[in-house]
Structure formats: structure tokens, C-alpha cells
Amino acid sequence: MAATLADLLEARHSCRAFLDRPVPRETIAAVLQTAQRTGSWCNSQAWQVSVASGAATERLRQALLAAAPEDRASDFPFPERYTGAYQQRRRECGWQLYEAVSVARDDREAAARQARENFRLFGAPHVAVLTSDAGLGTYGAVDVGGYVQVLLLALQAHGIQSIAQAALAGYSTLVKRVLGIPPERLMVCAVSFGYENAEHPANRFRTGRASLDEVVDWIES
């Protein structure tokens, strides 16, 4: 079992180009049934999952692509800044993507086009929007974060690729309005998913991970 988990984590990556091929409803349901086993604070199961497919996905995609600057609104504050190792890791990921899709470091127009792929959902046929109850505060968001990780691995186990997207949470009011999600719920993020376009250059790089020495403190006395 440990090897299976390690294999899933090693194989999973953020997919940035999908085939125009829907995932069967029964497969999505099986994935969600597995993800429902996620642990949560006091077993509150804070997550609510709104899964868009077909015309609903396209409606959201077009609304995001047409969004105006004044449509920006997030239910949770984005990071104030990235510094030190966090900034370095973020930049490394960005440059890997740009190199894969042949975007020069000084080509802002091409970089903007690639950024817009977030709002095209990278061509994914499905997107899951994850929200929490406002009354659960920070712990509700933490529980949803745990759910997202299990969801990504469950999708991978079924041969489905995905990408967790904070960018969509930057337009939470728009997303909730388009998909009919109650406005009082707090949007944490979205997960776009489907079958991978393995030939697309955006899917040909893999990010690294910090060593244990960087992230683990052993406290024994």
C-alpha cells in the first residue's frame, strides 16, 4: 500500500492541457466516493463540491475569459508576498512552464496568453469548485485543502489528470453566480480535470520537491 501511494504521488502532476473527452459520470462518482473518506476537523466534512460538466463547464469558461478587472473578488486573502525559498520554488515552476511552452522570459504578451489558459480551464471538460461554510472559518478551509489532495490522488488512481487552481478563486463571486453556488459559501479553489493531452508541451515538465532537510525538524529531546 505504501508503494501504491508513493507511485500515485510520483505520477501525479498539474495537467495544463486536456483532451476534449468527457469523463464518464460513474467514474467521477467513484472518485468522489473515495475522496469522501478525507479526514476533517471533528468529522465536520466542511467541503461542498460543485462539479461542472458539458454546457456548464463551457458557460463558466466563457464567463471567466470575458471577466473584467472589477470582477475580481476572493473569499480568502491571497498571499501578501512570496519570499526566500517560497519565492524561489514559485519562480522555478514558472520558468519551467515558460520554457516548456517556448515563452521567452521577457515576452510579457506570451506570458499573459499562457496565464489566460487558467481561465480557459486548460481545455478541461470538467471543473470541481470547492467551497466551505463561512461559520467554520479557517478550519473549514483547512479541511477543504485536505480534501483537495485526496481528490487529486483519487483522480490519478482512475487515470484522470487534474490541476488545482487558485486563480479561479480570485473570481469567486463570478464563479458562484455562474454555477448557482450559494453566495454565502466560501470558495477555496477549483480543480479542473479530464484526460491528459500528453503531446502538449505544457505537460512535459515536472516540478521538484524540497529535501527533508529543508522542511523537517527532528525534535527528540
C-alpha atoms as a PDB file:
ATOM      1  CA  MET A   1       0.000   0.000   0.000  1.00  0.00           C
ATOM      2  CA  ALA A   2       2.842   2.393   0.796  1.00  0.00           C
ATOM      3  CA  ALA A   3       4.348   1.752  -2.636  1.00  0.00           C
ATOM      4  CA  THR A   4       0.989   2.405  -4.310  1.00  0.00           C
ATOM      5  CA  LEU A   5       0.676   5.773  -2.596  1.00  0.00           C
ATOM      6  CA  ALA A   6       4.261   6.673  -3.489  1.00  0.00           C
ATOM      7  CA  ASP A   7       3.625   5.716  -7.112  1.00  0.00           C
ATOM      8  CA  LEU A   8       0.481   7.861  -7.291  1.00  0.00           C
ATOM      9  CA  LEU A   9       2.303  10.862  -5.836  1.00  0.00           C
ATOM     10  CA  GLU A  10       5.224  10.370  -8.203  1.00  0.00           C
ATOM     11  CA  ALA A  11       2.955  10.109 -11.257  1.00  0.00           C
ATOM     12  CA  ARG A  12       0.618  12.992 -10.386  1.00  0.00           C
ATOM     13  CA  HIS A  13       1.364  16.384 -11.860  1.00  0.00           C
ATOM     14  CA  SER A  14      -0.515  19.572 -12.644  1.00  0.00           C
ATOM     15  CA  CYS A  15      -2.039  18.953 -16.062  1.00  0.00           C
ATOM     16  CA  ARG A  16      -2.150  22.083 -18.230  1.00  0.00           C
ATOM     17  CA  ALA A  17      -3.668  20.684 -21.424  1.00  0.00           C
ATOM     18  CA  PHE A  18      -6.629  18.302 -21.655  1.00  0.00           C
ATOM     19  CA  LEU A  19      -8.312  16.290 -24.378  1.00  0.00           C
ATOM     20  CA  ASP A  20     -11.851  17.205 -25.392  1.00  0.00           C
ATOM     21  CA  ARG A  21     -13.147  13.928 -23.983  1.00  0.00           C
ATOM     22  CA  PRO A  22     -15.521  13.830 -21.026  1.00  0.00           C
ATOM     23  CA  VAL A  23     -15.012  11.504 -18.078  1.00  0.00           C
ATOM     24  CA  PRO A  24     -17.960   9.128 -17.536  1.00  0.00           C
ATOM     25  CA  ARG A  25     -20.283  10.239 -14.736  1.00  0.00           C
ATOM     26  CA  GLU A  26     -19.906   6.915 -12.919  1.00  0.00           C
ATOM     27  CA  THR A  27     -16.112   7.322 -12.875  1.00  0.00           C
ATOM     28  CA  ILE A  28     -16.388  10.817 -11.402  1.00  0.00           C
ATOM     29  CA  ALA A  29     -18.797   9.484  -8.778  1.00  0.00           C
ATOM     30  CA  ALA A  30     -16.332   6.725  -7.840  1.00  0.00           C
ATOM     31  CA  VAL A  31     -13.559   9.308  -7.445  1.00  0.00           C
ATOM     32  CA  LEU A  32     -15.744  11.492  -5.235  1.00  0.00           C
ATOM     33  CA  GLN A  33     -16.748   8.489  -3.136  1.00  0.00           C
ATOM     34  CA  THR A  34     -13.074   7.818  -2.412  1.00  0.00           C
ATOM     35  CA  ALA A  35     -12.362  11.478  -1.643  1.00  0.00           C
ATOM     36  CA  GLN A  36     -15.263  11.483   0.807  1.00  0.00           C
ATOM     37  CA  ARG A  37     -13.054   9.438   3.159  1.00  0.00           C
ATOM     38  CA  THR A  38     -10.864  12.510   3.753  1.00  0.00           C
ATOM     39  CA  GLY A  39     -10.251  13.240   7.426  1.00  0.00           C
ATOM     40  CA  SER A  40     -11.650  16.513   8.780  1.00  0.00           C
ATOM     41  CA  TRP A  41     -11.850  18.581  11.960  1.00  0.00           C
ATOM     42  CA  CYS A  42     -14.406  16.895  14.275  1.00  0.00           C
ATOM     43  CA  ASN A  43     -15.563  14.978  11.174  1.00  0.00           C
ATOM     44  CA  SER A  44     -17.328  18.165  10.046  1.00  0.00           C
ATOM     45  CA  GLN A  45     -16.600  17.328   6.373  1.00  0.00           C
ATOM     46  CA  ALA A  46     -16.548  21.036   5.586  1.00  0.00           C
ATOM     47  CA  TRP A  47     -16.355  20.648   1.825  1.00  0.00           C
ATOM     48  CA  GLN A  48     -19.120  21.105  -0.693  1.00  0.00           C
ATOM     49  CA  VAL A  49     -18.209  20.046  -4.222  1.00  0.00           C
ATOM     50  CA  SER A  50     -19.872  21.595  -7.282  1.00  0.00           C
ATOM     51  CA  VAL A  51     -18.896  19.626 -10.395  1.00  0.00           C
ATOM     52  CA  ALA A  52     -19.441  21.307 -13.755  1.00  0.00           C
ATOM     53  CA  SER A  53     -19.565  19.311 -16.983  1.00  0.00           C
ATOM     54  CA  GLY A  54     -20.697  19.884 -20.555  1.00  0.00           C
ATOM     55  CA  ALA A  55     -22.531  23.155 -21.117  1.00  0.00           C
ATOM     56  CA  ALA A  56     -21.936  24.260 -17.522  1.00  0.00           C
ATOM     57  CA  THR A  57     -18.168  23.994 -17.943  1.00  0.00           C
ATOM     58  CA  GLU A  58     -18.319  25.963 -21.181  1.00  0.00           C
ATOM     59  CA  ARG A  59     -20.523  28.627 -19.581  1.00  0.00           C
ATOM     60  CA  LEU A  60     -18.018  29.103 -16.780  1.00  0.00           C
ATOM     61  CA  ARG A  61     -15.088  29.108 -19.183  1.00  0.00           C
ATOM     62  CA  GLN A  62     -16.590  31.862 -21.314  1.00  0.00           C
ATOM     63  CA  ALA A  63     -17.556  33.934 -18.266  1.00  0.00           C
ATOM     64  CA  LEU A  64     -14.022  33.756 -16.905  1.00  0.00           C
ATOM     65  CA  LEU A  65     -12.446  34.660 -20.234  1.00  0.00           C
ATOM     66  CA  ALA A  66     -14.778  37.657 -20.521  1.00  0.00           C
ATOM     67  CA  ALA A  67     -14.284  38.786 -16.918  1.00  0.00           C
ATOM     68  CA  ALA A  68     -13.360  42.402 -16.254  1.00  0.00           C
ATOM     69  CA  PRO A  69     -10.855  43.624 -13.629  1.00  0.00           C
ATOM     70  CA  GLU A  70     -13.743  44.748 -11.417  1.00  0.00           C
ATOM     71  CA  ASP A  71     -14.983  41.134 -11.326  1.00  0.00           C
ATOM     72  CA  ARG A  72     -12.003  40.154  -9.189  1.00  0.00           C
ATOM     73  CA  ALA A  73     -13.079  39.072  -5.718  1.00  0.00           C
ATOM     74  CA  SER A  74     -11.749  36.331  -3.464  1.00  0.00           C
ATOM     75  CA  ASP A  75     -13.265  34.865  -0.323  1.00  0.00           C
ATOM     76  CA  PHE A  76      -9.838  34.259   1.235  1.00  0.00           C
ATOM     77  CA  PRO A  77      -6.869  36.634   1.027  1.00  0.00           C
ATOM     78  CA  PHE A  78      -4.146  35.621  -1.404  1.00  0.00           C
ATOM     79  CA  PRO A  79      -0.538  35.535  -0.116  1.00  0.00           C
ATOM     80  CA  GLU A  80       0.789  39.026   0.565  1.00  0.00           C
ATOM     81  CA  ARG A  81       4.154  38.090  -0.936  1.00  0.00           C
ATOM     82  CA  TYR A  82       6.496  35.200  -1.639  1.00  0.00           C
ATOM     83  CA  THR A  83       9.971  35.432  -0.146  1.00  0.00           C
ATOM     84  CA  GLY A  84      13.022  33.223   0.294  1.00  0.00           C
ATOM     85  CA  ALA A  85      12.581  29.563  -0.612  1.00  0.00           C
ATOM     86  CA  TYR A  86       8.877  30.069  -1.352  1.00  0.00           C
ATOM     87  CA  GLN A  87       9.640  32.676  -3.977  1.00  0.00           C
ATOM     88  CA  GLN A  88      12.433  30.555  -5.427  1.00  0.00           C
ATOM     89  CA  ARG A  89      10.187  27.491  -5.798  1.00  0.00           C
ATOM     90  CA  ARG A  90       7.401  29.571  -7.342  1.00  0.00           C
ATOM     91  CA  ARG A  91       9.753  31.139  -9.864  1.00  0.00           C
ATOM     92  CA  GLU A  92      11.322  27.812 -10.755  1.00  0.00           C
ATOM     93  CA  CYS A  93       7.900  26.350 -11.524  1.00  0.00           C
ATOM     94  CA  GLY A  94       7.001  29.366 -13.654  1.00  0.00           C
ATOM     95  CA  TRP A  95      10.217  29.293 -15.655  1.00  0.00           C
ATOM     96  CA  GLN A  96       9.872  25.547 -16.226  1.00  0.00           C
ATOM     97  CA  LEU A  97       6.413  26.118 -17.677  1.00  0.00           C
ATOM     98  CA  TYR A  98       7.548  29.017 -19.863  1.00  0.00           C
ATOM     99  CA  GLU A  99      10.482  27.001 -21.160  1.00  0.00           C
ATOM    100  CA  ALA A 100       8.229  24.051 -21.957  1.00  0.00           C
ATOM    101  CA  VAL A 101       5.810  26.192 -23.994  1.00  0.00           C
ATOM    102  CA  SER A 102       8.571  28.354 -25.542  1.00  0.00           C
ATOM    103  CA  VAL A 103       7.742  31.619 -23.783  1.00  0.00           C
ATOM    104  CA  ALA A 104      10.794  33.878 -23.550  1.00  0.00           C
ATOM    105  CA  ARG A 105      11.426  35.434 -20.145  1.00  0.00           C
ATOM    106  CA  ASP A 106      10.909  38.965 -21.466  1.00  0.00           C
ATOM    107  CA  ASP A 107       7.856  38.171 -23.610  1.00  0.00           C
ATOM    108  CA  ARG A 108       5.060  39.548 -21.458  1.00  0.00           C
ATOM    109  CA  GLU A 109       2.423  39.140 -24.149  1.00  0.00           C
ATOM    110  CA  ALA A 110       3.112  35.423 -24.493  1.00  0.00           C
ATOM    111  CA  ALA A 111       3.218  35.064 -20.712  1.00  0.00           C
ATOM    112  CA  ALA A 112      -0.193  36.739 -20.471  1.00  0.00           C
ATOM    113  CA  ARG A 113      -1.591  34.337 -23.080  1.00  0.00           C
ATOM    114  CA  GLN A 114      -0.336  31.396 -21.074  1.00  0.00           C
ATOM    115  CA  ALA A 115      -1.824  32.865 -17.886  1.00  0.00           C
ATOM    116  CA  ARG A 116      -5.213  33.091 -19.614  1.00  0.00           C
ATOM    117  CA  GLU A 117      -5.127  29.316 -20.008  1.00  0.00           C
ATOM    118  CA  ASN A 118      -6.063  29.214 -16.315  1.00  0.00           C
ATOM    119  CA  PHE A 119      -9.411  30.787 -17.190  1.00  0.00           C
ATOM    120  CA  ARG A 120      -9.850  28.519 -20.198  1.00  0.00           C
ATOM    121  CA  LEU A 121      -9.520  25.731 -17.624  1.00  0.00           C
ATOM    122  CA  PHE A 122      -6.658  24.453 -19.800  1.00  0.00           C
ATOM    123  CA  GLY A 123      -9.338  22.946 -22.039  1.00  0.00           C
ATOM    124  CA  ALA A 124     -10.623  20.595 -19.332  1.00  0.00           C
ATOM    125  CA  PRO A 125     -14.125  19.150 -19.812  1.00  0.00           C
ATOM    126  CA  HIS A 126     -14.854  19.240 -16.075  1.00  0.00           C
ATOM    127  CA  VAL A 127     -14.171  21.524 -13.136  1.00  0.00           C
ATOM    128  CA  ALA A 128     -14.924  20.968  -9.454  1.00  0.00           C
ATOM    129  CA  VAL A 129     -15.414  24.055  -7.300  1.00  0.00           C
ATOM    130  CA  LEU A 130     -14.623  23.511  -3.614  1.00  0.00           C
ATOM    131  CA  THR A 131     -16.375  25.652  -1.017  1.00  0.00           C
ATOM    132  CA  SER A 132     -16.672  25.712   2.767  1.00  0.00           C
ATOM    133  CA  ASP A 133     -19.207  27.022   5.252  1.00  0.00           C
ATOM    134  CA  ALA A 134     -18.313  30.515   6.430  1.00  0.00           C
ATOM    135  CA  GLY A 135     -19.061  29.605  10.035  1.00  0.00           C
ATOM    136  CA  LEU A 136     -16.250  27.044  10.068  1.00  0.00           C
ATOM    137  CA  GLY A 137     -13.635  29.736   9.453  1.00  0.00           C
ATOM    138  CA  THR A 138     -10.006  28.763   8.927  1.00  0.00           C
ATOM    139  CA  TYR A 139     -10.528  25.151   9.907  1.00  0.00           C
ATOM    140  CA  GLY A 140     -13.164  24.735   7.224  1.00  0.00           C
ATOM    141  CA  ALA A 141     -10.670  25.924   4.622  1.00  0.00           C
ATOM    142  CA  VAL A 142      -8.009  23.590   6.037  1.00  0.00           C
ATOM    143  CA  ASP A 143     -10.419  20.652   5.751  1.00  0.00           C
ATOM    144  CA  VAL A 144     -11.172  21.559   2.132  1.00  0.00           C
ATOM    145  CA  GLY A 145      -7.427  21.675   1.463  1.00  0.00           C
ATOM    146  CA  GLY A 146      -7.085  18.135   2.763  1.00  0.00           C
ATOM    147  CA  TYR A 147      -9.996  17.066   0.581  1.00  0.00           C
ATOM    148  CA  VAL A 148      -8.341  18.584  -2.493  1.00  0.00           C
ATOM    149  CA  GLN A 149      -5.197  16.494  -2.022  1.00  0.00           C
ATOM    150  CA  VAL A 150      -7.182  13.270  -1.677  1.00  0.00           C
ATOM    151  CA  LEU A 151      -9.288  14.241  -4.703  1.00  0.00           C
ATOM    152  CA  LEU A 152      -6.167  14.764  -6.836  1.00  0.00           C
ATOM    153  CA  LEU A 153      -4.818  11.350  -5.880  1.00  0.00           C
ATOM    154  CA  ALA A 154      -8.165   9.619  -6.403  1.00  0.00           C
ATOM    155  CA  LEU A 155      -8.389  11.146  -9.885  1.00  0.00           C
ATOM    156  CA  GLN A 156      -4.846   9.954 -10.632  1.00  0.00           C
ATOM    157  CA  ALA A 157      -5.736   6.445  -9.445  1.00  0.00           C
ATOM    158  CA  HIS A 158      -8.539   6.372 -12.024  1.00  0.00           C
ATOM    159  CA  GLY A 159      -6.268   7.528 -14.844  1.00  0.00           C
ATOM    160  CA  ILE A 160      -7.659  11.068 -14.811  1.00  0.00           C
ATOM    161  CA  GLN A 161      -5.390  14.104 -14.724  1.00  0.00           C
ATOM    162  CA  SER A 162      -6.105  17.336 -12.895  1.00  0.00           C
ATOM    163  CA  ILE A 163      -4.864  20.713 -11.771  1.00  0.00           C
ATOM    164  CA  ALA A 164      -5.798  22.574  -8.600  1.00  0.00           C
ATOM    165  CA  GLN A 165      -6.479  26.219  -9.456  1.00  0.00           C
ATOM    166  CA  ALA A 166      -6.314  29.110  -7.022  1.00  0.00           C
ATOM    167  CA  ALA A 167      -6.663  31.515  -9.967  1.00  0.00           C
ATOM    168  CA  LEU A 168     -10.395  30.820 -10.203  1.00  0.00           C
ATOM    169  CA  ALA A 169     -10.846  31.646  -6.526  1.00  0.00           C
ATOM    170  CA  GLY A 170      -9.758  35.155  -7.463  1.00  0.00           C
ATOM    171  CA  TYR A 171     -13.142  35.443  -9.195  1.00  0.00           C
ATOM    172  CA  SER A 172     -15.173  33.656  -6.539  1.00  0.00           C
ATOM    173  CA  THR A 173     -18.285  35.843  -6.857  1.00  0.00           C
ATOM    174  CA  LEU A 174     -18.427  35.281 -10.614  1.00  0.00           C
ATOM    175  CA  VAL A 175     -17.818  31.535 -10.305  1.00  0.00           C
ATOM    176  CA  LYS A 176     -20.527  31.109  -7.680  1.00  0.00           C
ATOM    177  CA  ARG A 177     -23.002  33.180  -9.690  1.00  0.00           C
ATOM    178  CA  VAL A 178     -22.418  31.270 -12.931  1.00  0.00           C
ATOM    179  CA  LEU A 179     -22.697  27.837 -11.282  1.00  0.00           C
ATOM    180  CA  GLY A 180     -25.521  28.709  -8.889  1.00  0.00           C
ATOM    181  CA  ILE A 181     -23.447  28.162  -5.757  1.00  0.00           C
ATOM    182  CA  PRO A 182     -24.895  29.956  -2.706  1.00  0.00           C
ATOM    183  CA  PRO A 183     -23.046  33.265  -2.356  1.00  0.00           C
ATOM    184  CA  GLU A 184     -22.544  32.825   1.393  1.00  0.00           C
ATOM    185  CA  ARG A 185     -20.308  29.800   0.864  1.00  0.00           C
ATOM    186  CA  LEU A 186     -16.569  30.471   0.772  1.00  0.00           C
ATOM    187  CA  MET A 187     -14.706  29.329  -2.342  1.00  0.00           C
ATOM    188  CA  VAL A 188     -11.323  27.796  -1.547  1.00  0.00           C
ATOM    189  CA  CYS A 189     -10.208  26.725  -5.022  1.00  0.00           C
ATOM    190  CA  ALA A 190     -11.220  24.783  -8.111  1.00  0.00           C
ATOM    191  CA  VAL A 191      -9.899  21.568  -9.654  1.00  0.00           C
ATOM    192  CA  SER A 192     -10.070  21.211 -13.430  1.00  0.00           C
ATOM    193  CA  PHE A 193      -9.846  17.607 -14.594  1.00  0.00           C
ATOM    194  CA  GLY A 194     -10.144  15.247 -17.532  1.00  0.00           C
ATOM    195  CA  TYR A 195      -7.925  13.120 -19.768  1.00  0.00           C
ATOM    196  CA  GLU A 196      -4.459  14.495 -20.437  1.00  0.00           C
ATOM    197  CA  ASN A 197      -3.217  15.719 -23.789  1.00  0.00           C
ATOM    198  CA  ALA A 198       0.149  14.043 -23.315  1.00  0.00           C
ATOM    199  CA  GLU A 199       1.519  15.542 -26.541  1.00  0.00           C
ATOM    200  CA  HIS A 200       1.115  19.131 -25.370  1.00  0.00           C
ATOM    201  CA  PRO A 201       4.436  20.696 -24.317  1.00  0.00           C
ATOM    202  CA  ALA A 202       2.897  22.176 -21.152  1.00  0.00           C
ATOM    203  CA  ASN A 203       2.606  18.624 -19.817  1.00  0.00           C
ATOM    204  CA  ARG A 204       6.234  17.658 -20.423  1.00  0.00           C
ATOM    205  CA  PHE A 205       7.921  19.132 -17.368  1.00  0.00           C
ATOM    206  CA  ARG A 206       7.826  18.108 -13.720  1.00  0.00           C
ATOM    207  CA  THR A 207       8.447  20.235 -10.669  1.00  0.00           C
ATOM    208  CA  GLY A 208      10.905  19.161  -7.988  1.00  0.00           C
ATOM    209  CA  ARG A 209      10.411  18.867  -4.252  1.00  0.00           C
ATOM    210  CA  ALA A 210      12.479  20.169  -1.362  1.00  0.00           C
ATOM    211  CA  SER A 211      14.607  17.693   0.576  1.00  0.00           C
ATOM    212  CA  LEU A 212      13.550  16.551   4.042  1.00  0.00           C
ATOM    213  CA  ASP A 213      16.445  18.532   5.484  1.00  0.00           C
ATOM    214  CA  GLU A 214      14.745  21.705   4.255  1.00  0.00           C
ATOM    215  CA  VAL A 215      11.262  21.042   5.594  1.00  0.00           C
ATOM    216  CA  VAL A 216      11.554  18.672   8.587  1.00  0.00           C
ATOM    217  CA  ASP A 217      12.785  19.484  12.105  1.00  0.00           C
ATOM    218  CA  TRP A 218      13.532  16.388  14.190  1.00  0.00           C
ATOM    219  CA  ILE A 219      12.847  17.178  17.867  1.00  0.00           C
ATOM    220  CA  GLU A 220      13.930  14.354  20.155  1.00  0.00           C
ATOM    221  CA  SER A 221      14.811  15.897  23.486  1.00  0.00           C
END
